C-alpha atoms as a PDB file:
ATOM      1  CA  UNK A   1      34.539  45.584  -8.414  1.00  0.00           C
ATOM      2  CA  UNK A   2      34.999  47.596  -5.263  1.00  0.00           C
ATOM      3  CA  UNK A   3      34.304  44.633  -2.942  1.00  0.00           C
ATOM      4  CA  UNK A   4      34.666  40.883  -3.424  1.00  0.00           C
ATOM      5  CA  UNK A   5      31.009  40.304  -2.448  1.00  0.00           C
ATOM      6  CA  UNK A   6      29.735  42.476  -5.335  1.00  0.00           C
ATOM      7  CA  UNK A   7      29.786  40.760  -8.739  1.00  0.00           C
ATOM      8  CA  UNK A   8      28.010  40.422 -12.073  1.00  0.00           C
ATOM      9  CA  UNK A   9      26.306  37.029 -12.443  1.00  0.00           C
ATOM     10  CA  UNK A  10      26.010  34.905 -15.605  1.00  0.00           C
ATOM     11  CA  UNK A  11      22.791  36.757 -16.522  1.00  0.00           C
ATOM     12  CA  UNK A  12      24.597  40.099 -16.422  1.00  0.00           C
ATOM     13  CA  UNK A  13      22.896  41.196 -13.202  1.00  0.00           C
ATOM     14  CA  UNK A  14      24.558  42.789 -10.204  1.00  0.00           C
ATOM     15  CA  UNK A  15      24.807  40.509  -7.182  1.00  0.00           C
ATOM     16  CA  UNK A  16      25.578  41.327  -3.584  1.00  0.00           C
ATOM     17  CA  UNK A  17      26.708  38.503  -1.289  1.00  0.00           C
ATOM     18  CA  UNK A  18      25.594  36.096  -4.049  1.00  0.00           C
ATOM     19  CA  UNK A  19      22.049  37.535  -4.080  1.00  0.00           C
ATOM     20  CA  UNK A  20      20.560  39.019  -7.249  1.00  0.00           C
ATOM     21  CA  UNK A  21      19.988  42.710  -6.515  1.00  0.00           C
ATOM     22  CA  UNK A  22      17.246  42.967  -9.153  1.00  0.00           C
ATOM     23  CA  UNK A  23      15.278  40.244  -7.375  1.00  0.00           C
ATOM     24  CA  UNK A  24      15.889  41.907  -4.004  1.00  0.00           C
ATOM     25  CA  UNK A  25      14.646  45.247  -5.355  1.00  0.00           C
ATOM     26  CA  UNK A  26      11.548  43.566  -6.798  1.00  0.00           C
ATOM     27  CA  UNK A  27      10.800  41.830  -3.505  1.00  0.00           C
ATOM     28  CA  UNK A  28      11.592  44.658  -1.057  1.00  0.00           C
ATOM     29  CA  UNK A  29      11.417  47.806  -3.189  1.00  0.00           C
ATOM     30  CA  UNK A  30      13.921  50.607  -3.496  1.00  0.00           C
ATOM     31  CA  UNK A  31      15.887  52.255  -2.114  1.00  0.00           C
ATOM     32  CA  UNK A  32      17.212  49.156  -0.404  1.00  0.00           C
ATOM     33  CA  UNK A  33      20.018  49.051   2.135  1.00  0.00           C
ATOM     34  CA  UNK A  34      22.054  45.841   1.954  1.00  0.00           C
ATOM     35  CA  UNK A  35      24.429  44.544   4.616  1.00  0.00           C
ATOM     36  CA  UNK A  36      26.541  41.402   4.268  1.00  0.00           C
ATOM     37  CA  UNK A  37      26.366  39.669   7.657  1.00  0.00           C
ATOM     38  CA  UNK A  38      29.145  37.225   6.733  1.00  0.00           C
ATOM     39  CA  UNK A  39      31.448  40.147   5.863  1.00  0.00           C
ATOM     40  CA  UNK A  40      30.528  41.989   9.072  1.00  0.00           C
ATOM     41  CA  UNK A  41      31.188  38.887  11.200  1.00  0.00           C
ATOM     42  CA  UNK A  42      34.537  38.327   9.474  1.00  0.00           C
ATOM     43  CA  UNK A  43      35.584  41.946  10.037  1.00  0.00           C
ATOM     44  CA  UNK A  44      34.567  41.805  13.705  1.00  0.00           C
ATOM     45  CA  UNK A  45      36.576  38.598  14.182  1.00  0.00           C
ATOM     46  CA  UNK A  46      39.631  40.228  12.592  1.00  0.00           C
ATOM     47  CA  UNK A  47      39.228  43.283  14.809  1.00  0.00           C
ATOM     48  CA  UNK A  48      38.790  41.252  18.020  1.00  0.00           C
ATOM     49  CA  UNK A  49      41.804  39.070  17.182  1.00  0.00           C
ATOM     50  CA  UNK A  50      43.872  42.216  16.592  1.00  0.00           C
ATOM     51  CA  UNK A  51      42.827  43.613  19.969  1.00  0.00           C
ATOM     52  CA  UNK A  52      43.774  40.367  21.708  1.00  0.00           C
ATOM     53  CA  UNK A  53      47.205  40.404  20.030  1.00  0.00           C
ATOM     54  CA  UNK A  54      47.832  44.101  20.720  1.00  0.00           C
ATOM     55  CA  UNK A  55      46.433  44.282  24.239  1.00  0.00           C
ATOM     56  CA  UNK A  56      45.300  41.327  26.395  1.00  0.00           C
ATOM     57  CA  UNK A  57      43.212  38.189  25.820  1.00  0.00           C
ATOM     58  CA  UNK A  58      40.449  39.754  27.906  1.00  0.00           C
ATOM     59  CA  UNK A  59      40.209  42.860  25.686  1.00  0.00           C
ATOM     60  CA  UNK A  60      36.698  43.466  24.457  1.00  0.00           C
ATOM     61  CA  UNK A  61      35.743  45.951  21.724  1.00  0.00           C
ATOM     62  CA  UNK A  62      32.719  48.117  22.437  1.00  0.00           C
ATOM     63  CA  UNK A  63      30.791  49.695  19.586  1.00  0.00           C
ATOM     64  CA  UNK A  64      28.610  52.749  19.834  1.00  0.00           C
ATOM     65  CA  UNK A  65      26.217  53.492  17.012  1.00  0.00           C
ATOM     66  CA  UNK A  66      24.346  56.615  16.154  1.00  0.00           C
ATOM     67  CA  UNK A  67      23.872  56.642  12.389  1.00  0.00           C
ATOM     68  CA  UNK A  68      23.247  52.927  11.804  1.00  0.00           C
ATOM     69  CA  UNK A  69      21.381  51.615  14.836  1.00  0.00           C
ATOM     70  CA  UNK A  70      20.082  48.290  13.507  1.00  0.00           C
ATOM     71  CA  UNK A  71      19.578  45.962  16.441  1.00  0.00           C
ATOM     72  CA  UNK A  72      19.513  42.805  14.297  1.00  0.00           C
ATOM     73  CA  UNK A  73      23.158  43.123  13.217  1.00  0.00           C
END
């Protein structure tokens, strides 16, 4: 698979972040945009740690969003 959080479960269904995408589509409808908050948090932590190592411990990444402005993330 392209990402480690996308798999095929024992029933042969596609899962995303261990959630059955068929069940998600039934519950929320389609098209459905899925974001893995654990993956996002892990990537942010990696990025912040890299900034601290490359610059100073007080470095702080700022993110500007235009295309994906979801406040809950």
